[in-house]
């Protein structure tokens, strides 16, 4: 595995890859089994694998956890080596951004749900992802379904800007007890960790109701709230894959989204129906 720190290094490497498919996995580091699943899928499906680790400042709002976001560079390098990554791109902010930048404006649906409490967050996400796509020019790029709104916005950007990249959605990876893996799980104390299990339990309950042909969204949301009655719920929403609110479950076209707060930590999870 070769570690790249500069734009010039990455451009040289990319220009020398003239054959085969390229799989790309962009991350912010603090890699866990969820990231590993993306990297392994990229490894299985491509001739060359590029992973980026970049804690992107433009997607953090003032007062958010940019400075405290977990950093595990040495462990991350070892994980990438274990997963047989070919190239690991680890730039710093001054490498990726100039003092004055052309900005990317996310569409209106970026200001609902995650974007409602974090206005401008997805502008920063799309900005950095587009930069990384332009540098790596991958055949396939891998993103987790846990960040469902981010995934759909990246798919739209690729479609709208006519980028020749396949976006590969990857299933949520969970702990044995059901908690969705997240770099922010390390912020939870033992009591919060146990309480957080109610998030995945509520989604399991929703899935069971749908399996019994209960398609009324109000009923499903009310049942989920009962399961999570002790939590600080930021939102429970049911949308189609265009992120439009729906009143009735549409099989193969529905995402049930949950966010709950534990102190300063937000945890999100979802169920694709």
Protein backbone atom coordinates (compact mmCIF):
# COMPACT_ATOMS: atom_id res chain seq x y z
CA UNK A 1 0.00 0.00 0.00
CA UNK A 2 1.26 3.45 -0.90
CA UNK A 3 0.32 6.48 1.22
CA UNK A 4 -0.26 9.70 -0.71
CA UNK A 5 -0.35 13.13 0.93
CA UNK A 6 -0.39 15.61 -1.96
CA UNK A 7 -2.57 16.32 -4.97
CA UNK A 8 0.44 15.88 -7.22
CA UNK A 9 1.16 12.39 -5.86
CA UNK A 10 -2.43 11.31 -6.34
CA UNK A 11 -2.63 12.74 -9.86
CA UNK A 12 0.57 10.95 -10.86
CA UNK A 13 -0.70 7.64 -9.47
CA UNK A 14 -4.08 8.04 -11.13
CA UNK A 15 -2.59 8.96 -14.50
CA UNK A 16 -0.51 5.78 -14.40
CA UNK A 17 -3.55 3.55 -13.90
CA UNK A 18 -4.56 2.85 -17.47
CA UNK A 19 -6.25 -0.54 -17.20
CA UNK A 20 -8.93 -2.16 -15.10
CA UNK A 21 -11.56 -0.80 -12.71
CA UNK A 22 -10.92 1.56 -9.82
CA UNK A 23 -12.88 1.33 -6.59
CA UNK A 24 -12.90 4.38 -4.31
CA UNK A 25 -13.95 4.63 -0.66
CA UNK A 26 -13.96 8.17 0.82
CA UNK A 27 -13.84 8.32 4.64
CA UNK A 28 -13.16 10.75 7.48
CA UNK A 29 -11.03 8.19 9.32
CA UNK A 30 -11.57 6.48 12.69
CA UNK A 31 -12.29 3.39 10.60
CA UNK A 32 -14.57 0.68 12.00
CA UNK A 33 -16.19 -2.48 10.66
CA UNK A 34 -18.65 -0.42 8.64
CA UNK A 35 -15.80 1.20 6.70
CA UNK A 36 -14.03 -2.15 6.44
CA UNK A 37 -17.10 -3.65 4.77
CA UNK A 38 -17.02 -0.88 2.13
CA UNK A 39 -13.30 -1.35 1.51
CA UNK A 40 -13.62 -5.14 1.26
CA UNK A 41 -16.45 -4.82 -1.23
CA UNK A 42 -14.37 -2.38 -3.27
CA UNK A 43 -11.44 -4.83 -3.11
CA UNK A 44 -13.61 -7.73 -4.29
CA UNK A 45 -15.09 -5.79 -7.19
CA UNK A 46 -12.16 -3.77 -8.58
CA UNK A 47 -8.62 -4.09 -9.90
CA UNK A 48 -7.36 -1.06 -7.97
CA UNK A 49 -8.64 0.31 -4.65
CA UNK A 50 -8.14 3.89 -3.43
CA UNK A 51 -9.24 4.97 0.05
CA UNK A 52 -9.19 8.57 1.26
CA UNK A 53 -9.03 9.71 4.88
CA UNK A 54 -9.85 13.38 5.19
CA UNK A 55 -11.64 15.12 8.03
CA UNK A 56 -13.49 17.63 5.90
CA UNK A 57 -13.95 20.98 7.69
CA UNK A 58 -16.55 22.38 5.28
CA UNK A 59 -19.23 19.90 6.35
CA UNK A 60 -18.99 20.83 10.05
CA UNK A 61 -21.02 23.75 11.35
CA UNK A 62 -19.77 26.13 14.07
CA UNK A 63 -19.96 24.41 17.45
CA UNK A 64 -19.97 20.89 16.02
CA UNK A 65 -17.41 18.23 16.92
CA UNK A 66 -14.73 18.88 14.27
CA UNK A 67 -11.95 19.42 16.83
CA UNK A 68 -13.03 16.41 18.91
CA UNK A 69 -13.81 14.05 16.05
CA UNK A 70 -11.90 10.80 16.69
CA UNK A 71 -8.56 10.54 14.89
CA UNK A 72 -6.80 7.18 14.60
CA UNK A 73 -4.35 7.62 11.75
CA UNK A 74 -1.95 4.80 12.63
CA UNK A 75 -4.74 2.31 13.28
CA UNK A 76 -6.45 3.42 10.07
CA UNK A 77 -3.29 2.79 8.05
CA UNK A 78 -3.04 -0.73 9.46
CA UNK A 79 -6.69 -1.42 8.66
CA UNK A 80 -6.19 -0.29 5.07
CA UNK A 81 -3.11 -2.48 4.75
CA UNK A 82 -5.07 -5.44 6.14
CA UNK A 83 -7.81 -4.81 3.57
CA UNK A 84 -5.21 -4.74 0.77
CA UNK A 85 -5.85 -1.15 -0.26
CA UNK A 86 -3.54 -0.07 -3.08
CA UNK A 87 -3.44 3.67 -2.37
CA UNK A 88 -4.36 5.61 0.76
CA UNK A 89 -4.86 9.36 0.22
CA UNK A 90 -4.41 11.38 3.45
CA UNK A 91 -4.36 15.11 2.62
CA UNK A 92 -4.67 18.00 5.06
CA UNK A 93 -7.14 20.87 4.74
CA UNK A 94 -4.64 23.24 3.13
CA UNK A 95 -4.07 20.65 0.42
CA UNK A 96 -7.75 20.30 -0.38
CA UNK A 97 -8.86 23.94 -0.08
CA UNK A 98 -7.70 27.38 -1.16
CA UNK A 99 -8.53 30.58 0.70
CA UNK A 100 -11.36 31.30 -1.74
CA UNK A 101 -13.32 28.46 -3.28
CA UNK A 102 -15.92 27.80 -5.94
CA UNK A 103 -18.85 26.58 -3.86
CA UNK A 104 -21.24 23.70 -4.44
CA UNK A 105 -24.90 24.29 -3.63
CA UNK A 106 -26.85 21.21 -2.61
CA UNK A 107 -30.50 20.99 -3.79
CA UNK A 108 -33.45 22.05 -1.66
CA UNK A 109 -34.00 18.58 -0.20
CA UNK A 110 -30.61 18.93 1.52
CA UNK A 111 -32.26 21.37 3.97
CA UNK A 112 -34.70 18.85 5.42
CA UNK A 113 -33.99 16.15 8.02
CA UNK A 114 -30.20 16.14 8.52
CA UNK A 115 -29.95 19.46 6.72
CA UNK A 116 -32.64 21.10 8.85
CA UNK A 117 -30.47 21.03 11.97
CA UNK A 118 -27.23 21.33 10.00
CA UNK A 119 -27.90 23.91 7.24
CA UNK A 120 -25.06 23.94 4.73
CA UNK A 121 -23.71 20.57 5.88
CA UNK A 122 -24.44 18.87 2.58
CA UNK A 123 -22.94 21.75 0.60
CA UNK A 124 -19.64 20.83 2.24
CA UNK A 125 -20.16 17.11 1.70
CA UNK A 126 -20.82 17.51 -2.02
CA UNK A 127 -17.93 19.94 -2.38
CA UNK A 128 -15.35 17.54 -0.99
CA UNK A 129 -16.81 14.44 -2.66
CA UNK A 130 -16.72 16.17 -6.05
CA UNK A 131 -13.07 17.16 -5.47
CA UNK A 132 -12.20 13.57 -4.54
CA UNK A 133 -14.09 12.18 -7.53
CA UNK A 134 -12.21 14.53 -9.86
CA UNK A 135 -8.88 13.44 -8.39
CA UNK A 136 -9.50 9.69 -8.27
CA UNK A 137 -11.82 9.31 -11.31
CA UNK A 138 -13.12 6.00 -9.99
CA UNK A 139 -15.15 3.41 -11.82
CA UNK A 140 -17.10 2.62 -8.65
CA UNK A 141 -17.48 4.62 -5.43
CA UNK A 142 -18.78 3.02 -2.24
CA UNK A 143 -21.07 4.67 0.34
CA UNK A 144 -22.97 3.27 3.32
CA UNK A 145 -26.76 3.32 3.46
CA UNK A 146 -26.62 4.55 7.07
CA UNK A 147 -26.06 8.08 5.76
CA UNK A 148 -29.11 7.73 3.52
CA UNK A 149 -29.67 11.41 2.75
CA UNK A 150 -25.99 11.90 1.94
CA UNK A 151 -26.07 8.86 -0.34
CA UNK A 152 -29.09 10.10 -2.31
CA UNK A 153 -27.58 13.58 -2.71
CA UNK A 154 -24.31 12.14 -4.01
CA UNK A 155 -26.27 9.98 -6.45
CA UNK A 156 -28.10 13.11 -7.62
CA UNK A 157 -24.84 15.07 -8.01
CA UNK A 158 -23.37 12.29 -10.15
CA UNK A 159 -26.54 12.26 -12.25
CA UNK A 160 -26.86 16.05 -12.56
CA UNK A 161 -23.19 16.69 -13.37
CA UNK A 162 -22.95 13.73 -15.78
CA UNK A 163 -20.12 12.09 -13.86
CA UNK A 164 -19.10 8.71 -15.25
CA UNK A 165 -19.07 6.98 -11.85
CA UNK A 166 -21.13 4.12 -10.44
CA UNK A 167 -22.32 4.85 -6.89
CA UNK A 168 -22.54 1.58 -4.95
CA UNK A 169 -24.85 1.70 -1.88
CA UNK A 170 -23.69 -0.67 0.87
CA UNK A 171 -25.73 -2.16 3.71
CA UNK A 172 -25.53 -0.88 7.29
CA UNK A 173 -23.13 -2.84 9.49
CA UNK A 174 -24.24 -3.37 13.08
CA UNK A 175 -22.86 -4.56 16.38
CA UNK A 176 -24.10 -7.97 17.51
CA UNK A 177 -26.73 -6.24 19.66
CA UNK A 178 -28.04 -4.21 16.72
CA UNK A 179 -26.43 -0.79 17.23
CA UNK A 180 -25.44 0.72 13.89
CA UNK A 181 -21.69 1.23 13.70
CA UNK A 182 -20.59 4.86 13.85
CA UNK A 183 -17.38 6.69 14.66
CA UNK A 184 -19.43 8.71 17.16
CA UNK A 185 -20.40 5.63 19.21
CA UNK A 186 -17.18 6.14 21.21
CA UNK A 187 -18.78 9.23 22.77
CA UNK A 188 -21.46 7.14 24.52
CA UNK A 189 -21.12 6.10 28.16
CA UNK A 190 -22.35 2.64 29.19
CA UNK A 191 -25.86 3.80 30.09
CA UNK A 192 -26.25 5.75 26.85
CA UNK A 193 -24.93 2.78 24.89
CA UNK A 194 -27.68 0.57 26.31
CA UNK A 195 -30.35 3.20 25.70
CA UNK A 196 -29.15 3.63 22.10
CA UNK A 197 -30.19 0.05 21.35
CA UNK A 198 -33.78 1.27 21.35
CA UNK A 199 -33.11 2.96 18.01
CA UNK A 200 -32.45 -0.28 16.13
CA UNK A 201 -35.19 -2.04 18.13
CA UNK A 202 -37.71 0.56 16.91
CA UNK A 203 -36.65 -0.05 13.30
CA UNK A 204 -36.91 -3.81 13.79
CA UNK A 205 -40.43 -3.30 15.14
CA UNK A 206 -41.28 -1.16 12.11
CA UNK A 207 -40.01 -3.90 9.81
CA UNK A 208 -42.13 -6.47 11.63
CA UNK A 209 -45.25 -4.34 11.22
CA UNK A 210 -44.57 -3.89 7.50
CA UNK A 211 -44.05 -7.65 7.23
CA UNK A 212 -47.58 -8.03 8.62
CA UNK A 213 -48.82 -5.62 5.91
CA UNK A 214 -49.19 -2.58 8.18
CA UNK A 215 -48.40 0.20 5.71
CA UNK A 216 -49.87 3.21 7.52
CA UNK A 217 -46.99 5.58 8.31
CA UNK A 218 -48.73 7.20 11.32
CA UNK A 219 -49.18 3.78 12.96
CA UNK A 220 -45.57 2.79 12.30
CA UNK A 221 -44.18 6.07 13.65
CA UNK A 222 -46.36 5.88 16.77
CA UNK A 223 -45.12 2.35 17.48
CA UNK A 224 -41.50 3.42 17.02
CA UNK A 225 -42.00 6.32 19.44
CA UNK A 226 -43.32 3.88 22.05
CA UNK A 227 -40.13 1.80 21.74
CA UNK A 228 -37.99 4.93 22.05
CA UNK A 229 -40.14 6.73 24.63
CA UNK A 230 -37.18 7.39 26.97
CA UNK A 231 -34.95 8.84 24.26
CA UNK A 232 -34.40 12.40 23.09
CA UNK A 233 -35.77 11.85 19.58
CA UNK A 234 -34.80 14.49 17.04
CA UNK A 235 -36.91 12.98 14.29
CA UNK A 236 -38.61 9.88 12.96
CA UNK A 237 -39.46 10.32 9.30
CA UNK A 238 -40.68 8.08 6.52
CA UNK A 239 -39.82 9.11 2.97
CA UNK A 240 -39.53 7.66 -0.50
CA UNK A 241 -36.13 7.35 -2.16
CA UNK A 242 -36.47 10.89 -3.52
CA UNK A 243 -36.77 11.99 0.13
CA UNK A 244 -40.37 13.08 -0.25
CA UNK A 245 -42.60 12.43 2.82
CA UNK A 246 -45.14 9.64 2.33
CA UNK A 247 -48.25 8.56 4.25
CA UNK A 248 -48.23 4.93 3.11
CA UNK A 249 -45.30 2.54 2.91
CA UNK A 250 -44.21 1.90 -0.68
CA UNK A 251 -42.39 -1.42 -0.88
CA UNK A 252 -38.88 -1.11 -2.39
CA UNK A 253 -39.23 2.69 -2.37
CA UNK A 254 -39.27 3.66 1.32
CA UNK A 255 -36.68 4.71 3.89
CA UNK A 256 -37.54 5.00 7.59
CA UNK A 257 -35.12 7.43 9.26
CA UNK A 258 -34.38 8.00 12.94
CA UNK A 259 -32.11 10.41 14.80
CA UNK A 260 -31.80 10.52 18.58
CA UNK A 261 -29.54 12.57 20.83
CA UNK A 262 -27.47 11.37 23.76
CA UNK A 263 -26.05 14.51 25.31
CA UNK A 264 -24.07 16.18 22.52
CA UNK A 265 -23.97 13.00 20.42
CA UNK A 266 -26.42 12.48 17.54
CA UNK A 267 -26.97 8.93 16.34
CA UNK A 268 -28.76 8.18 13.11
CA UNK A 269 -30.09 4.92 11.77
CA UNK A 270 -32.55 3.82 9.12
CA UNK A 271 -34.40 0.98 7.48
CA UNK A 272 -34.70 0.62 3.70
CA UNK A 273 -38.00 -1.05 2.89
